[in-house]
Amino acid sequence: MKRDLLQQAYDAMRHDLRKTVLTMLGMAWGIATVVLLLAYGEGFGRAVQNIFEAFGATAIGIFPGRTSQQAGGNKAGVQVRFTNDDIEMIRNVVPLVRHVSRESDKECTVQYGPRRFTLPVQGTDPTIADIWNLDISSGRFFNDQDNASHGLVAVISSEARDKLFSGISPVGDSIRINGVSFQVIGVMRPRMQEGDNDINRVIYIPFNSMDVLQDTHYLGGIWIDSVGLDNNHLTKIVRDSLALAHGFKPDDERAVQIFDAQKQLSQFAIISLGLKVLLAFIGTVTLGIGGIGLANIMLVSVTQRTREIGVEKALGARRRDILFQFLAEAMVITAVGGLCGILLSYVVSFSVGTLTLYSALAKHGEAGDIRLIVAPKIVLIATAILAVVGVISGMFPAVRASKLDPIEALRYE
């Protein structure tokens, strides 16, 4: 029975090959549009994820500020200062905290031979490499032993290396920071950099070694990340704990400023989802136009084959046989057109490659560009949309054909 239906569908399509091919092209264009738009939406979401991962997608920065509300006997405007006690408190009260790092910043004069530049120097704990997802191109990052021994070692960023060493490998050599000699033990890979951001000019040194450059009793900031805990709950625990320790109200957001990369990523994820839904809708409308073309060609086919339908009914064909005959013809056109459209989308995605997004705004931002990757999930979604459009487009002509009166159909000229 299935073989007979497919054979009839094939013979009917061959009868008017030109219209069949044009209809298939319409369906192919529609499904290719759906796939490519969904691939663009998926690529946008991945690009945003890559951008955040380059800076540490789970990083939480905690920075001291000034109180804006009265609390207890303290008036507003009191400076909040972090110390090592706050580090121990966070380790004790924040569940599932994975990494904690102190931060101390200073603009310093950095010298190598006759070359002298003013560059940002950051004193951090070794765990910052995991929190910020730092990547070393040569050498190594400083470790706990370097930090504990107040080792005068430094890891320099890519632009700092270019300014100071002009392409010469700096690992093992020494630089002077505010007159203090530090041995270079590593060089960072270039990071995404927007505008005049100095992220690729930073000199990283162990936090405990920062005391030769400035007083480190008070911390410039604290960075943490965790695993398995909702970041909104985590930041509330941190703020409540610091409020209790420093005597300010927990809802005083100016007293302690918290940067949550995961929260920012979640907001972009909502935007990405909205974009995917919009693109899927646009693609479906485009495919629907192809479906209208399919419905029209099938209605023409029903009209041209009215006497044939009458003969089939006179010979005992049931309504459902006629319905399945024309529906099978519509689905074959849909399937062949859909297959061609999916193959076309693969060709286009490979040809286009990468579409500029973040690299237009930031140096070394190629990882944040959009790549049109036709993933299996996208093909499945597009196929489901195609099937629905094909059934809807083919059902109306098929129902019309099945309801024809056999006597009137035999009289049709």
Protein backbone atom coordinates (compact mmCIF):
# COMPACT_ATOMS: atom_id res chain seq x y z
CA MET A 1 0.00 0.00 0.00
CA LYS A 2 2.78 2.45 0.96
CA ARG A 3 4.69 1.53 -2.19
CA ASP A 4 1.57 2.18 -4.31
CA LEU A 5 1.03 5.59 -2.67
CA LEU A 6 4.65 6.61 -3.28
CA GLN A 7 4.49 5.38 -6.87
CA GLN A 8 1.30 7.37 -7.49
CA ALA A 9 2.88 10.43 -5.90
CA TYR A 10 5.95 10.01 -8.08
CA ASP A 11 3.89 9.61 -11.27
CA ALA A 12 1.77 12.66 -10.40
CA MET A 13 4.86 14.82 -9.81
CA ARG A 14 6.41 13.68 -13.09
CA HIS A 15 3.19 14.64 -14.90
CA ASP A 16 3.86 18.35 -14.21
CA LEU A 17 7.55 18.38 -13.41
CA ARG A 18 8.10 22.11 -13.78
CA LYS A 19 5.51 23.07 -11.17
CA THR A 20 6.76 20.31 -8.89
CA VAL A 21 10.37 21.52 -9.08
CA LEU A 22 9.37 25.15 -8.45
CA THR A 23 7.32 24.08 -5.44
CA MET A 24 10.24 22.04 -4.11
CA LEU A 25 12.53 25.05 -4.52
CA GLY A 26 10.10 27.15 -2.49
CA MET A 27 10.10 24.58 0.30
CA ALA A 28 13.90 24.24 0.10
CA TRP A 29 14.38 28.00 0.41
CA GLY A 30 11.99 28.13 3.34
CA ILE A 31 13.63 25.32 5.33
CA ALA A 32 17.11 26.67 4.56
CA THR A 33 15.99 30.04 5.95
CA VAL A 34 14.69 28.39 9.13
CA VAL A 35 17.90 26.41 9.65
CA LEU A 36 20.21 29.37 9.03
CA LEU A 37 18.22 31.71 11.26
CA LEU A 38 18.20 29.13 14.06
CA ALA A 39 21.95 28.60 13.51
CA TYR A 40 22.48 32.35 13.80
CA GLY A 41 20.54 32.48 17.06
CA GLU A 42 22.50 29.51 18.43
CA GLY A 43 25.76 31.10 17.30
CA PHE A 44 24.84 34.36 19.04
CA GLY A 45 24.18 32.51 22.30
CA ARG A 46 27.50 30.67 22.06
CA ALA A 47 29.34 33.91 21.28
CA VAL A 48 27.95 35.56 24.42
CA GLN A 49 28.90 32.48 26.47
CA ASN A 50 32.45 32.61 25.06
CA ILE A 51 32.77 36.29 25.95
CA PHE A 52 31.83 35.69 29.58
CA GLU A 53 33.95 32.57 29.85
CA ALA A 54 36.96 34.56 28.65
CA PHE A 55 36.62 36.78 31.73
CA GLY A 56 35.36 34.11 34.13
CA ALA A 57 31.70 33.18 33.72
CA THR A 58 31.25 32.31 37.42
CA ALA A 59 33.38 35.12 38.89
CA ILE A 60 31.97 37.30 41.66
CA GLY A 61 33.78 40.51 42.55
CA ILE A 62 33.24 42.12 45.97
CA PHE A 63 34.44 45.72 46.41
CA PRO A 64 34.24 48.04 49.43
CA GLY A 65 32.34 51.32 49.18
CA ARG A 66 30.71 53.86 51.50
CA THR A 67 27.52 53.41 53.48
CA SER A 68 24.49 55.35 52.25
CA GLN A 69 22.24 54.56 55.23
CA GLN A 70 22.53 55.00 58.96
CA ALA A 71 23.06 51.77 60.85
CA GLY A 72 23.13 51.56 64.63
CA GLY A 73 25.21 54.45 65.90
CA ASN A 74 27.04 54.92 62.60
CA LYS A 75 26.03 57.67 60.21
CA ALA A 76 25.94 57.35 56.43
CA GLY A 77 29.12 57.90 54.44
CA VAL A 78 31.40 55.61 56.45
CA GLN A 79 34.14 53.95 54.40
CA VAL A 80 33.98 50.14 54.40
CA ARG A 81 37.39 48.45 54.42
CA PHE A 82 38.15 44.77 53.83
CA THR A 83 40.93 42.89 55.61
CA ASN A 84 42.18 39.30 55.69
CA ASP A 85 39.57 38.61 58.39
CA ASP A 86 36.89 39.07 55.74
CA ILE A 87 38.60 36.44 53.59
CA GLU A 88 38.43 33.90 56.42
CA MET A 89 34.84 34.85 57.15
CA ILE A 90 33.82 34.29 53.51
CA ARG A 91 35.55 30.91 53.45
CA ASN A 92 33.62 29.91 56.58
CA VAL A 93 30.13 31.21 55.78
CA VAL A 94 29.83 30.81 51.99
CA PRO A 95 28.95 27.19 51.15
CA LEU A 96 30.66 25.46 48.25
CA VAL A 97 33.04 28.36 47.68
CA ARG A 98 35.66 27.07 45.26
CA HIS A 99 38.24 29.85 44.97
CA VAL A 100 38.90 33.04 46.90
CA SER A 101 41.40 35.70 45.92
CA ARG A 102 42.45 39.03 47.37
CA GLU A 103 43.18 41.97 45.10
CA SER A 104 45.36 45.07 45.48
CA ASP A 105 45.94 47.48 42.60
CA LYS A 106 48.47 50.20 41.92
CA GLU A 107 49.72 52.17 38.92
CA CYS A 108 53.48 51.69 38.91
CA THR A 109 56.51 52.65 36.89
CA VAL A 110 57.73 49.46 35.20
CA GLN A 111 61.24 49.45 33.72
CA TYR A 112 63.25 47.06 31.60
CA GLY A 113 66.63 48.40 30.54
CA PRO A 114 66.12 51.90 29.15
CA ARG A 115 62.38 51.36 28.61
CA ARG A 116 60.05 52.79 31.21
CA PHE A 117 56.24 52.76 31.25
CA THR A 118 53.44 53.41 33.73
CA LEU A 119 51.45 50.17 33.91
CA PRO A 120 48.78 48.74 36.23
CA VAL A 121 50.09 46.20 38.74
CA GLN A 122 47.71 43.78 40.45
CA GLY A 123 48.58 41.80 43.53
CA THR A 124 46.39 38.68 43.67
CA ASP A 125 46.34 35.19 45.07
CA PRO A 126 47.18 32.31 42.65
CA THR A 127 43.50 31.26 42.56
CA ILE A 128 42.70 34.32 40.43
CA ALA A 129 43.92 32.36 37.41
CA ASP A 130 40.99 29.94 37.88
CA ILE A 131 38.46 32.62 38.75
CA TRP A 132 39.26 34.80 35.75
CA ASN A 133 40.09 31.91 33.42
CA LEU A 134 43.56 33.31 32.74
CA ASP A 135 45.59 31.56 30.06
CA ILE A 136 49.38 31.47 29.93
CA SER A 137 51.16 31.56 26.57
CA SER A 138 54.65 30.88 27.97
CA GLY A 139 56.10 30.18 31.39
CA ARG A 140 53.74 29.69 34.32
CA PHE A 141 51.50 31.55 36.74
CA PHE A 142 52.72 32.09 40.30
CA ASN A 143 51.69 29.47 42.86
CA ASP A 144 50.96 29.23 46.59
CA GLN A 145 54.63 28.77 47.39
CA ASP A 146 55.53 32.00 45.55
CA ASN A 147 52.79 33.78 47.47
CA ALA A 148 53.69 32.36 50.88
CA SER A 149 57.40 33.20 50.47
CA HIS A 150 56.66 36.75 49.27
CA GLY A 151 58.44 35.82 46.03
CA LEU A 152 59.34 38.76 43.83
CA VAL A 153 57.97 37.18 40.66
CA ALA A 154 55.67 38.60 37.99
CA VAL A 155 53.43 37.45 35.17
CA ILE A 156 53.05 40.05 32.45
CA SER A 157 50.25 40.56 29.94
CA SER A 158 50.74 40.54 26.18
CA GLU A 159 50.84 44.31 25.57
CA ALA A 160 53.14 44.84 28.57
CA ARG A 161 55.50 42.27 27.04
CA ASP A 162 55.43 44.08 23.68
CA LYS A 163 56.14 47.46 25.27
CA LEU A 164 58.94 46.27 27.51
CA PHE A 165 60.58 43.49 25.49
CA SER A 166 59.61 44.13 21.83
CA GLY A 167 59.11 40.47 20.94
CA ILE A 168 62.01 39.08 22.98
CA SER A 169 61.02 36.23 25.30
CA PRO A 170 60.87 37.78 28.79
CA VAL A 171 60.57 34.57 30.83
CA GLY A 172 63.51 34.33 33.21
CA ASP A 173 64.45 37.99 32.76
CA SER A 174 63.81 40.71 35.36
CA ILE A 175 61.87 43.97 35.38
CA ARG A 176 61.83 46.77 37.95
CA ILE A 177 58.51 47.86 39.42
CA ASN A 178 58.85 51.15 41.30
CA GLY A 179 62.52 50.32 41.63
CA VAL A 180 61.99 46.77 43.00
CA SER A 181 63.32 43.90 40.87
CA PHE A 182 60.80 41.16 39.89
CA GLN A 183 61.60 38.07 37.85
CA VAL A 184 59.23 37.40 34.95
CA ILE A 185 57.99 33.81 35.20
CA GLY A 186 55.12 33.89 32.68
CA VAL A 187 53.38 35.74 29.87
CA MET A 188 49.60 35.91 29.42
CA ARG A 189 47.76 35.16 26.22
CA PRO A 190 45.96 38.23 24.81
CA ARG A 191 42.53 38.69 26.35
CA MET A 192 39.47 40.34 24.85
CA GLN A 193 39.94 44.09 25.22
CA GLU A 194 37.39 46.82 24.59
CA GLY A 195 38.52 50.36 23.78
CA ASP A 196 41.20 51.73 26.08
CA ASN A 197 40.78 48.96 28.64
CA ASP A 198 44.20 48.10 30.09
CA ILE A 199 43.46 44.40 30.60
CA ASN A 200 46.36 43.38 28.34
CA ARG A 201 48.83 45.75 30.03
CA VAL A 202 48.48 44.39 33.57
CA ILE A 203 51.44 43.05 35.56
CA TYR A 204 50.34 40.28 37.96
CA ILE A 205 52.33 39.64 41.13
CA PRO A 206 51.60 37.56 44.29
CA PHE A 207 49.39 39.43 46.75
CA ASN A 208 51.84 38.95 49.62
CA SER A 209 54.60 40.46 47.48
CA MET A 210 52.52 43.59 46.89
CA ASP A 211 53.60 44.86 50.32
CA VAL A 212 56.90 46.06 48.82
CA LEU A 213 54.90 48.48 46.66
CA GLN A 214 52.12 49.61 49.02
CA ASP A 215 50.36 48.84 52.29
CA THR A 216 48.21 45.74 51.81
CA HIS A 217 46.50 45.68 55.22
CA TYR A 218 43.30 46.82 53.55
CA LEU A 219 42.18 44.92 50.44
CA GLY A 220 41.20 46.55 47.19
CA GLY A 221 38.66 43.83 46.55
CA ILE A 222 37.80 40.15 46.86
CA TRP A 223 37.07 37.70 44.04
CA ILE A 224 35.32 34.37 44.54
CA ASP A 225 33.57 31.66 42.58
CA SER A 226 31.59 28.64 43.67
CA VAL A 227 30.05 25.49 42.29
CA GLY A 228 26.56 24.12 42.82
CA LEU A 229 25.05 27.22 44.45
CA ASP A 230 22.65 29.77 43.00
CA ASN A 231 24.59 33.00 42.62
CA ASN A 232 21.72 35.17 43.85
CA HIS A 233 21.67 33.19 47.09
CA LEU A 234 25.46 33.30 47.29
CA THR A 235 25.68 37.09 46.89
CA LYS A 236 22.95 37.54 49.54
CA ILE A 237 24.96 35.42 51.99
CA VAL A 238 28.10 37.45 51.24
CA ARG A 239 26.32 40.81 51.64
CA ASP A 240 24.54 39.78 54.85
CA SER A 241 27.78 38.44 56.36
CA LEU A 242 29.78 41.56 55.49
CA ALA A 243 26.95 43.78 56.78
CA LEU A 244 27.07 42.01 60.13
CA ALA A 245 30.88 42.21 60.28
CA HIS A 246 31.14 45.89 59.30
CA GLY A 247 27.98 47.27 60.86
CA PHE A 248 25.97 48.42 57.84
CA LYS A 249 22.49 47.47 56.66
CA PRO A 250 22.29 44.44 54.33
CA ASP A 251 20.15 46.37 51.83
CA ASP A 252 22.73 49.18 51.57
CA GLU A 253 24.13 48.30 48.15
CA ARG A 254 26.56 51.23 48.10
CA ALA A 255 28.37 49.94 51.16
CA VAL A 256 29.57 46.87 49.27
CA GLN A 257 29.42 46.60 45.49
CA ILE A 258 29.11 43.08 44.08
CA PHE A 259 29.75 42.19 40.46
CA ASP A 260 28.16 38.87 39.50
CA ALA A 261 29.22 37.60 36.05
CA GLN A 262 26.66 34.79 36.21
CA LYS A 263 23.83 37.28 36.69
CA GLN A 264 25.01 39.28 33.70
CA LEU A 265 25.24 36.08 31.66
CA SER A 266 21.71 35.08 32.68
CA GLN A 267 20.38 38.43 31.45
CA PHE A 268 22.09 37.92 28.11
CA ALA A 269 20.74 34.36 28.00
CA ILE A 270 17.20 35.78 28.15
CA ILE A 271 18.04 38.11 25.27
CA SER A 272 19.50 35.19 23.33
CA LEU A 273 16.37 33.10 23.92
CA GLY A 274 14.15 35.97 22.75
CA LEU A 275 16.31 36.35 19.64
CA LYS A 276 16.06 32.60 18.89
CA VAL A 277 12.26 32.67 19.23
CA LEU A 278 12.03 35.73 16.97
CA LEU A 279 14.30 34.18 14.33
CA ALA A 280 12.39 30.89 14.47
CA PHE A 281 9.13 32.81 13.95
CA ILE A 282 10.57 34.70 10.97
CA GLY A 283 11.87 31.46 9.48
CA THR A 284 8.53 29.73 10.01
CA VAL A 285 6.70 32.59 8.25
CA THR A 286 9.14 32.29 5.33
CA LEU A 287 8.58 28.54 5.21
CA GLY A 288 4.84 29.16 5.44
CA ILE A 289 5.04 31.10 2.16
CA GLY A 290 6.52 27.98 0.59
CA GLY A 291 3.68 26.02 2.18
CA ILE A 292 1.13 28.30 0.52
CA GLY A 293 2.81 27.58 -2.79
CA LEU A 294 2.55 23.86 -2.08
CA ALA A 295 -1.14 24.17 -1.20
CA ASN A 296 -1.81 26.07 -4.43
CA ILE A 297 -0.04 23.53 -6.64
CA MET A 298 -1.91 20.70 -4.92
CA LEU A 299 -5.26 22.46 -5.44
CA VAL A 300 -4.43 22.84 -9.12
CA SER A 301 -3.53 19.15 -9.20
CA VAL A 302 -6.88 18.24 -7.62
CA THR A 303 -8.72 20.31 -10.22
CA GLN A 304 -6.77 18.78 -13.12
CA ARG A 305 -7.31 15.23 -11.84
CA THR A 306 -10.99 15.50 -10.95
CA ARG A 307 -12.07 12.84 -13.48
CA GLU A 308 -9.26 10.56 -12.26
CA ILE A 309 -10.57 10.92 -8.71
CA GLY A 310 -14.08 10.10 -9.93
CA VAL A 311 -12.83 6.94 -11.66
CA GLU A 312 -10.95 5.84 -8.53
CA LYS A 313 -14.05 6.34 -6.38
CA ALA A 314 -16.22 4.50 -8.90
CA LEU A 315 -13.81 1.57 -8.70
CA GLY A 316 -14.17 1.44 -4.90
CA ALA A 317 -11.54 3.85 -3.56
CA ARG A 318 -12.49 5.18 -0.14
CA ARG A 319 -12.27 8.79 0.98
CA ARG A 320 -9.23 8.07 3.12
CA ASP A 321 -7.48 6.42 0.16
CA ILE A 322 -7.90 9.60 -1.89
CA LEU A 323 -6.86 11.73 1.08
CA PHE A 324 -3.69 9.71 1.70
CA GLN A 325 -2.88 9.74 -2.02
CA PHE A 326 -2.78 13.52 -2.27
CA LEU A 327 -1.32 13.98 1.22
CA ALA A 328 1.50 11.55 0.29
CA GLU A 329 2.21 13.60 -2.82
CA ALA A 330 2.42 16.78 -0.75
CA MET A 331 4.68 15.15 1.84
CA VAL A 332 7.04 13.78 -0.83
CA ILE A 333 7.41 17.28 -2.28
CA THR A 334 7.95 18.60 1.24
CA ALA A 335 10.51 15.92 2.10
CA VAL A 336 12.56 16.33 -1.07
CA GLY A 337 12.46 20.12 -0.82
CA GLY A 338 13.34 19.95 2.85
CA LEU A 339 16.32 17.69 2.22
CA CYS A 340 17.62 20.04 -0.48
CA GLY A 341 17.09 23.02 1.86
CA ILE A 342 19.01 21.41 4.72
CA LEU A 343 21.88 20.56 2.38
CA LEU A 344 21.81 24.17 1.14
CA SER A 345 21.99 25.46 4.72
CA TYR A 346 25.08 23.34 5.37
CA VAL A 347 26.73 24.72 2.23
CA VAL A 348 25.91 28.32 3.21
CA SER A 349 27.10 27.85 6.82
CA PHE A 350 30.43 26.41 5.66
CA SER A 351 30.81 29.15 3.05
CA VAL A 352 30.02 32.02 5.42
CA GLY A 353 32.15 30.70 8.28
CA THR A 354 32.28 33.37 10.99
CA LEU A 355 30.20 36.55 11.22
CA THR A 356 31.76 39.53 12.97
CA LEU A 357 30.24 40.43 16.34
CA TYR A 358 32.49 41.10 19.32
CA SER A 359 35.70 41.45 17.32
CA ALA A 360 34.23 44.68 15.88
CA LEU A 361 34.18 46.10 19.42
CA ALA A 362 37.18 44.47 21.08
CA LYS A 363 40.70 43.45 20.25
CA HIS A 364 41.30 39.69 20.31
CA GLY A 365 37.52 39.22 20.37
CA GLU A 366 37.33 36.56 17.66
CA ALA A 367 35.99 33.99 20.14
CA GLY A 368 32.99 36.28 20.60
CA ASP A 369 32.05 36.24 16.92
CA ILE A 370 29.09 34.27 15.56
CA ARG A 371 29.73 30.92 13.94
CA LEU A 372 26.92 29.43 11.87
CA ILE A 373 27.02 25.86 13.11
CA VAL A 374 24.11 23.70 11.94
CA ALA A 375 23.81 21.51 15.02
CA PRO A 376 21.69 18.31 15.03
CA LYS A 377 19.27 19.99 17.45
CA ILE A 378 18.64 22.76 14.93
CA VAL A 379 18.03 20.25 12.13
CA LEU A 380 15.51 18.40 14.32
CA ILE A 381 13.64 21.60 15.19
CA ALA A 382 13.60 22.72 11.56
CA THR A 383 12.41 19.27 10.42
CA ALA A 384 9.55 19.38 12.93
CA ILE A 385 8.50 22.82 11.65
CA LEU A 386 8.77 21.55 8.07
CA ALA A 387 6.60 18.52 8.85
CA VAL A 388 3.89 20.69 10.42
CA VAL A 389 3.89 23.12 7.48
CA GLY A 390 3.86 20.23 4.99
CA VAL A 391 0.93 18.47 6.66
CA ILE A 392 -1.11 21.69 6.96
CA SER A 393 -0.38 22.69 3.35
CA GLY A 394 -1.18 19.26 1.96
CA MET A 395 -4.18 18.48 4.14
CA PHE A 396 -6.61 21.05 2.73
CA PRO A 397 -6.21 19.98 -0.94
CA ALA A 398 -6.25 16.31 0.11
CA VAL A 399 -9.50 16.75 2.09
CA ARG A 400 -11.04 18.62 -0.83
CA ALA A 401 -10.12 15.79 -3.18
CA SER A 402 -11.50 13.12 -0.83
CA LYS A 403 -14.87 14.92 -0.56
CA LEU A 404 -15.50 15.10 -4.31
CA ASP A 405 -18.74 13.47 -5.38
CA PRO A 406 -17.85 10.59 -7.75
CA ILE A 407 -20.74 11.28 -10.15
CA GLU A 408 -19.94 14.99 -10.42
CA ALA A 409 -16.23 14.16 -10.74
CA LEU A 410 -16.90 11.79 -13.68
CA ARG A 411 -18.93 14.50 -15.42
CA TYR A 412 -16.16 17.08 -14.98
CA GLU A 413 -14.64 18.33 -18.23
